[in-house]
Amino acid sequence: LSGACILSGNNGVGRWHFFVGSPGNGKSAAVGQLVRALLAKGCRVVDENDTDIADLQQTSVPYSLDVFEPGNPYASVRIVQDASVVRNPYAPDVDPSNDLLTTMRQAWDAGLSLIVCTNRGVLEKAYRDTYADPEYRQLAWHRAVLKKLVEREEGTPFVAAPLEVQSRRPVFKTILAKATYLDKRSLILHGNKILEHLILRAVEPEKWGACLSCELAQLCPFKANREWLADENGRRIAIEAFRRAEVLSSQVIVFREALAAISLVLAGCPRDYADTTPCGWVRKLAARGDVFGLASRRIYMCLY
């Protein structure tokens, strides 16, 4: 999702976009990429306490983020990177679907662009709890966005007509809503080459420059795995193993699993080197002549 499509420009049109998927589908990674693109455009991104994201602790995961365009005193975009998380986990009536409804209502009243990462369960409960409520049924976003998100037939695109915001002085006068469904999307099948792109990024020569002067490069399983995946034929064989795993298990390999597998192949298991590095682990095993230990991290052993 391009950062430019959710900023105001001169057309007065805002965007609502929903990334719908299961855990590990890459929703948060997509939002991270979007936020970095917005920061590169000079936007200010803050949490609900108006704290700049650069000042947040690394372990802090805000429920939502507001984006301020350069020179604007008001936010134009709200981002919820995981709607299954709640604003206050210690509240007695904690409910992710209720928080999502509140967020959608606030964004609509202000005329904000809205980016939401969520799973189907949160959407379905939000609609199930309100579909018979006269207060919600009269709301345009409830009828035209939430209802259609939930009732959309499998395999059909989500389509919502442009909605006019009736509130006083909204940021955007018109809202266009779209959705991307990730939970049925393979990283390998149907012409997708996402897994291959991830591998190619991981094996880029400049990332492995230190290996050129390493005296143990010939013994290193990670360097050998890198050469395997950098080779077109070796990469094809590895991707074919992933493709067969998807077909035989009837389950797609999600984004998080793909990254974990690539990490295992190219950097080993963190349990192996709790007090050192992958390179240090290789040196330790090579020093004691543990050829079988090194071989256990070759790509065919990892994928097996």
Protein backbone atom coordinates (compact mmCIF):
# COMPACT_ATOMS: atom_id res chain seq x y z
CA LEU A 1 0.00 0.00 0.00
CA SER A 2 1.64 3.20 -1.15
CA GLY A 3 1.99 5.97 1.40
CA ALA A 4 0.87 8.46 -1.24
CA CYS A 5 -2.58 6.89 -1.62
CA ILE A 6 -3.65 7.60 1.96
CA LEU A 7 -2.38 11.16 2.24
CA SER A 8 -4.59 14.07 1.37
CA GLY A 9 -3.04 15.63 -1.69
CA ASN A 10 -5.63 17.87 -3.32
CA ASN A 11 -8.48 15.47 -4.03
CA GLY A 12 -10.08 15.32 -0.58
CA VAL A 13 -10.33 11.52 -0.76
CA GLY A 14 -9.31 9.33 2.16
CA ARG A 15 -8.65 5.58 2.16
CA TRP A 16 -9.71 2.81 4.47
CA HIS A 17 -7.73 -0.37 3.92
CA PHE A 18 -8.06 -3.63 5.82
CA PHE A 19 -5.38 -6.31 5.85
CA VAL A 20 -7.26 -9.46 6.84
CA GLY A 21 -5.22 -12.53 7.72
CA SER A 22 -4.11 -15.07 10.26
CA PRO A 23 -1.03 -14.80 12.51
CA GLY A 24 2.21 -14.67 10.58
CA ASN A 25 0.69 -13.50 7.28
CA GLY A 26 2.90 -10.41 7.24
CA LYS A 27 0.34 -7.79 8.25
CA SER A 28 2.63 -6.09 10.75
CA ALA A 29 5.53 -6.24 8.31
CA ALA A 30 3.38 -4.48 5.71
CA VAL A 31 2.45 -1.78 8.22
CA GLY A 32 6.10 -1.36 9.17
CA GLN A 33 6.97 -0.79 5.53
CA LEU A 34 4.12 1.70 5.21
CA VAL A 35 5.21 3.66 8.29
CA ARG A 36 8.79 3.83 7.02
CA ALA A 37 7.50 5.17 3.70
CA LEU A 38 5.45 7.83 5.52
CA LEU A 39 8.43 8.83 7.66
CA ALA A 40 10.51 9.15 4.49
CA LYS A 41 7.90 11.62 3.20
CA GLY A 42 8.48 13.76 6.27
CA CYS A 43 5.38 12.69 8.20
CA ARG A 44 5.21 12.62 11.98
CA VAL A 45 3.95 9.35 13.47
CA VAL A 46 2.79 9.20 17.11
CA ASP A 47 0.99 6.81 19.43
CA GLU A 48 -2.27 7.52 21.26
CA ASN A 49 -0.35 9.48 23.92
CA ASP A 50 1.19 11.74 21.26
CA THR A 51 4.58 10.09 21.77
CA ASP A 52 6.72 9.98 18.65
CA ILE A 53 7.45 6.39 17.60
CA ALA A 54 11.18 7.15 17.66
CA ASP A 55 10.84 7.73 21.41
CA LEU A 56 8.95 4.52 22.15
CA GLN A 57 10.63 1.52 23.73
CA GLN A 58 11.44 -1.28 21.31
CA THR A 59 9.08 -3.63 23.16
CA SER A 60 6.21 -1.13 23.11
CA VAL A 61 3.37 -2.01 20.73
CA PRO A 62 0.84 0.85 20.55
CA TYR A 63 -2.74 -0.03 19.71
CA SER A 64 -2.87 2.68 17.06
CA LEU A 65 -0.66 5.27 15.41
CA ASP A 66 -1.63 8.69 14.05
CA VAL A 67 0.13 10.20 11.05
CA PHE A 68 0.61 13.95 10.67
CA GLU A 69 1.57 15.20 7.25
CA PRO A 70 4.32 17.85 7.04
CA GLY A 71 2.93 21.23 8.08
CA ASN A 72 -0.45 19.86 9.23
CA PRO A 73 -1.49 20.37 12.87
CA TYR A 74 -4.03 17.55 12.61
CA ALA A 75 -3.69 13.83 11.85
CA SER A 76 -4.81 12.53 8.48
CA VAL A 77 -4.18 8.79 8.92
CA ARG A 78 -4.79 6.31 11.74
CA ILE A 79 -3.05 2.93 11.70
CA VAL A 80 -4.03 -0.11 13.77
CA GLN A 81 -1.26 -2.66 13.25
CA ASP A 82 -3.05 -5.48 15.12
CA ALA A 83 -6.76 -5.21 15.92
CA SER A 84 -6.61 -8.40 18.00
CA VAL A 85 -4.65 -6.37 20.57
CA VAL A 86 -6.65 -4.19 22.94
CA ARG A 87 -6.05 -0.65 24.17
CA ASN A 88 -6.12 -1.63 27.83
CA PRO A 89 -5.41 -5.32 28.50
CA TYR A 90 -6.30 -4.85 32.18
CA ALA A 91 -9.79 -3.48 31.59
CA PRO A 92 -12.57 -5.64 33.12
CA ASP A 93 -14.55 -5.72 29.86
CA VAL A 94 -11.64 -6.17 27.45
CA ASP A 95 -12.86 -6.87 23.91
CA PRO A 96 -10.82 -6.42 20.68
CA SER A 97 -13.95 -6.16 18.52
CA ASN A 98 -15.31 -3.32 20.67
CA ASP A 99 -12.02 -1.44 20.38
CA LEU A 100 -12.15 -1.90 16.60
CA LEU A 101 -15.69 -0.50 16.46
CA THR A 102 -14.59 2.51 18.51
CA THR A 103 -11.62 3.07 16.20
CA MET A 104 -13.75 2.88 13.06
CA ARG A 105 -16.31 5.24 14.51
CA GLN A 106 -13.69 7.78 15.55
CA ALA A 107 -11.94 7.61 12.17
CA TRP A 108 -15.24 8.08 10.36
CA ASP A 109 -16.34 11.03 12.49
CA ALA A 110 -13.00 12.77 11.88
CA GLY A 111 -12.83 11.77 8.21
CA LEU A 112 -9.45 10.08 8.68
CA SER A 113 -7.79 7.56 6.43
CA LEU A 114 -7.64 4.24 8.28
CA ILE A 115 -5.34 1.24 7.98
CA VAL A 116 -6.35 -1.84 9.98
CA CYS A 117 -4.60 -5.20 10.33
CA THR A 118 -6.95 -7.79 11.75
CA ASN A 119 -8.15 -11.35 11.60
CA ARG A 120 -11.57 -12.51 10.47
CA GLY A 121 -12.69 -13.34 14.00
CA VAL A 122 -12.42 -9.75 15.24
CA LEU A 123 -14.37 -8.46 12.22
CA GLU A 124 -17.06 -11.10 12.54
CA LYS A 125 -17.58 -10.49 16.25
CA ALA A 126 -17.72 -6.72 15.73
CA TYR A 127 -20.49 -7.20 13.18
CA ARG A 128 -22.28 -9.94 15.12
CA ASP A 129 -22.46 -7.73 18.20
CA THR A 130 -23.93 -4.76 16.32
CA TYR A 131 -25.82 -5.93 13.23
CA ALA A 132 -29.17 -5.72 15.02
CA ASP A 133 -28.38 -2.48 16.86
CA PRO A 134 -30.39 0.41 15.32
CA GLU A 135 -27.67 2.88 16.32
CA TYR A 136 -25.04 1.06 14.27
CA ARG A 137 -27.25 -0.04 11.38
CA GLN A 138 -27.83 3.57 10.37
CA LEU A 139 -24.11 4.32 10.14
CA ALA A 140 -22.79 4.40 6.56
CA TRP A 141 -19.46 2.73 7.38
CA HIS A 142 -21.22 -0.08 9.26
CA ARG A 143 -23.49 -0.92 6.31
CA ALA A 144 -21.06 -0.36 3.46
CA VAL A 145 -17.74 -1.46 4.99
CA LEU A 146 -18.01 -3.71 8.05
CA LYS A 147 -21.05 -5.63 6.77
CA LYS A 148 -19.45 -6.25 3.38
CA LEU A 149 -16.12 -7.25 4.90
CA VAL A 150 -17.87 -9.98 6.89
CA GLU A 151 -20.41 -11.12 4.29
CA ARG A 152 -18.04 -11.13 1.31
CA GLU A 153 -18.12 -14.45 -0.53
CA GLU A 154 -14.89 -16.44 -0.61
CA GLY A 155 -12.83 -15.60 -3.68
CA THR A 156 -14.67 -12.39 -4.56
CA PRO A 157 -13.02 -8.98 -4.19
CA PHE A 158 -14.14 -6.55 -1.54
CA VAL A 159 -15.92 -3.62 -3.15
CA ALA A 160 -17.29 -0.58 -1.34
CA ALA A 161 -18.77 2.45 -3.09
CA PRO A 162 -17.30 5.87 -2.22
CA LEU A 163 -18.78 7.12 1.05
CA GLU A 164 -19.46 10.76 1.86
CA VAL A 165 -18.49 11.88 5.37
CA GLN A 166 -21.26 14.02 6.85
CA SER A 167 -19.42 15.33 9.92
CA ARG A 168 -18.41 18.97 10.28
CA ARG A 169 -15.02 19.81 8.72
CA PRO A 170 -13.73 16.25 8.15
CA VAL A 171 -10.13 15.67 7.09
CA PHE A 172 -11.44 13.84 4.02
CA LYS A 173 -14.90 14.40 2.59
CA THR A 174 -14.94 11.07 0.75
CA ILE A 175 -13.75 7.65 1.92
CA LEU A 176 -12.82 4.75 -0.38
CA ALA A 177 -12.58 1.36 1.34
CA LYS A 178 -10.62 -1.68 0.17
CA ALA A 179 -9.34 -4.90 1.70
CA THR A 180 -6.46 -7.31 1.14
CA TYR A 181 -7.07 -10.91 2.24
CA LEU A 182 -3.83 -12.61 3.17
CA ASP A 183 -4.93 -15.80 4.89
CA LYS A 184 -5.52 -17.69 1.64
CA ARG A 185 -2.58 -16.29 -0.28
CA SER A 186 0.41 -18.52 -0.94
CA LEU A 187 3.91 -17.05 -1.10
CA ILE A 188 4.78 -19.64 -3.75
CA LEU A 189 1.74 -20.88 -5.66
CA HIS A 190 -0.34 -19.15 -8.35
CA GLY A 191 2.61 -17.28 -9.82
CA ASN A 192 3.63 -15.60 -6.54
CA LYS A 193 7.37 -15.18 -6.11
CA ILE A 194 7.43 -13.62 -2.65
CA LEU A 195 9.46 -16.46 -1.13
CA GLU A 196 12.02 -16.22 -3.95
CA HIS A 197 12.30 -12.45 -3.45
CA LEU A 198 12.92 -12.96 0.28
CA ILE A 199 15.65 -15.50 -0.47
CA LEU A 200 17.31 -13.24 -3.04
CA ARG A 201 17.38 -10.38 -0.55
CA ALA A 202 18.99 -12.63 2.07
CA VAL A 203 21.77 -13.90 -0.22
CA GLU A 204 22.80 -10.58 -1.74
CA PRO A 205 26.63 -10.61 -2.12
CA GLU A 206 27.18 -7.42 -0.10
CA LYS A 207 25.60 -9.10 2.93
CA TRP A 208 28.22 -11.86 2.83
CA GLY A 209 31.38 -9.85 2.19
CA ALA A 210 32.97 -10.91 5.49
CA CYS A 211 33.01 -14.52 4.29
CA LEU A 212 35.53 -13.70 1.55
CA SER A 213 38.38 -13.39 4.05
CA CYS A 214 37.23 -16.13 6.43
CA GLU A 215 39.57 -19.13 6.60
CA LEU A 216 36.64 -21.40 7.53
CA ALA A 217 34.41 -20.43 4.60
CA GLN A 218 34.84 -23.88 3.04
CA LEU A 219 33.60 -25.58 6.24
CA CYS A 220 30.80 -23.15 7.07
CA PRO A 221 27.32 -24.64 6.49
CA PHE A 222 25.73 -21.17 6.36
CA LYS A 223 28.08 -20.00 3.60
CA ALA A 224 27.42 -23.27 1.72
CA ASN A 225 23.67 -22.78 2.14
CA ARG A 226 24.01 -19.23 0.87
CA GLU A 227 25.80 -20.46 -2.26
CA TRP A 228 23.08 -23.08 -2.76
CA LEU A 229 20.29 -20.50 -2.60
CA ALA A 230 22.20 -17.96 -4.69
CA ASP A 231 22.41 -20.55 -7.47
CA GLU A 232 19.29 -20.51 -9.64
CA ASN A 233 18.96 -24.31 -9.76
CA GLY A 234 19.60 -24.76 -6.04
CA ARG A 235 17.06 -22.06 -5.24
CA ARG A 236 14.50 -23.74 -7.49
CA ILE A 237 14.94 -27.06 -5.66
CA ALA A 238 14.52 -25.39 -2.24
CA ILE A 239 11.39 -23.50 -3.31
CA GLU A 240 9.98 -26.71 -4.76
CA ALA A 241 10.35 -28.32 -1.32
CA PHE A 242 8.28 -25.48 0.19
CA ARG A 243 5.70 -25.79 -2.57
CA ARG A 244 5.26 -29.52 -1.96
CA ALA A 245 4.97 -28.92 1.78
CA GLU A 246 2.07 -26.55 1.13
CA VAL A 247 0.31 -28.96 -1.19
CA LEU A 248 0.76 -32.01 1.05
CA SER A 249 -0.29 -30.19 4.23
CA SER A 250 -3.09 -28.14 2.61
CA GLN A 251 -1.78 -25.15 4.57
CA VAL A 252 0.02 -22.12 3.20
CA ILE A 253 3.43 -21.19 4.57
CA VAL A 254 2.89 -17.78 6.11
CA PHE A 255 5.28 -14.86 5.90
CA ARG A 256 6.60 -15.38 9.43
CA GLU A 257 7.34 -19.06 8.76
CA ALA A 258 9.14 -18.22 5.53
CA LEU A 259 11.39 -15.71 7.30
CA ALA A 260 12.07 -18.19 10.11
CA ALA A 261 13.03 -20.92 7.63
CA ILE A 262 15.39 -18.62 5.73
CA SER A 263 16.94 -17.51 9.03
CA LEU A 264 17.45 -21.13 10.11
CA VAL A 265 19.15 -22.01 6.83
CA LEU A 266 21.42 -18.97 6.71
CA ALA A 267 22.11 -18.30 10.39
CA GLY A 268 21.28 -21.48 12.26
CA CYS A 269 19.32 -21.96 15.46
CA PRO A 270 19.79 -19.35 18.24
CA ARG A 271 19.90 -22.16 20.82
CA ASP A 272 23.20 -23.25 19.27
CA TYR A 273 24.96 -20.00 20.10
CA ALA A 274 23.31 -18.43 23.13
CA ASP A 275 26.67 -16.96 24.20
CA THR A 276 28.23 -16.34 20.79
CA THR A 277 27.34 -15.71 17.11
CA PRO A 278 26.71 -18.00 14.13
CA CYS A 279 30.28 -17.39 13.04
CA GLY A 280 31.54 -18.12 16.54
CA TRP A 281 29.51 -21.34 16.61
CA VAL A 282 31.12 -22.47 13.34
CA ARG A 283 34.59 -21.69 14.69
CA LYS A 284 33.91 -23.61 17.91
CA LEU A 285 32.71 -26.74 16.09
CA ALA A 286 35.51 -26.53 13.53
CA ALA A 287 38.11 -26.26 16.34
CA ARG A 288 36.93 -29.52 17.88
CA GLY A 289 36.50 -31.25 14.52
CA ASP A 290 32.72 -31.67 14.83
CA VAL A 291 32.01 -32.23 11.15
CA PHE A 292 28.63 -33.83 11.83
CA GLY A 293 27.53 -30.83 13.91
CA LEU A 294 28.38 -28.53 11.02
CA ALA A 295 26.64 -30.84 8.54
CA SER A 296 23.47 -30.73 10.66
CA ARG A 297 22.99 -27.12 9.56
CA ARG A 298 23.24 -27.78 5.85
CA ILE A 299 20.12 -26.76 3.96
CA TYR A 300 18.86 -30.27 3.23
CA MET A 301 19.05 -31.13 6.93
CA CYS A 302 17.28 -27.92 7.96
CA LEU A 303 14.45 -28.34 5.48
CA TYR A 304 14.09 -32.02 6.33
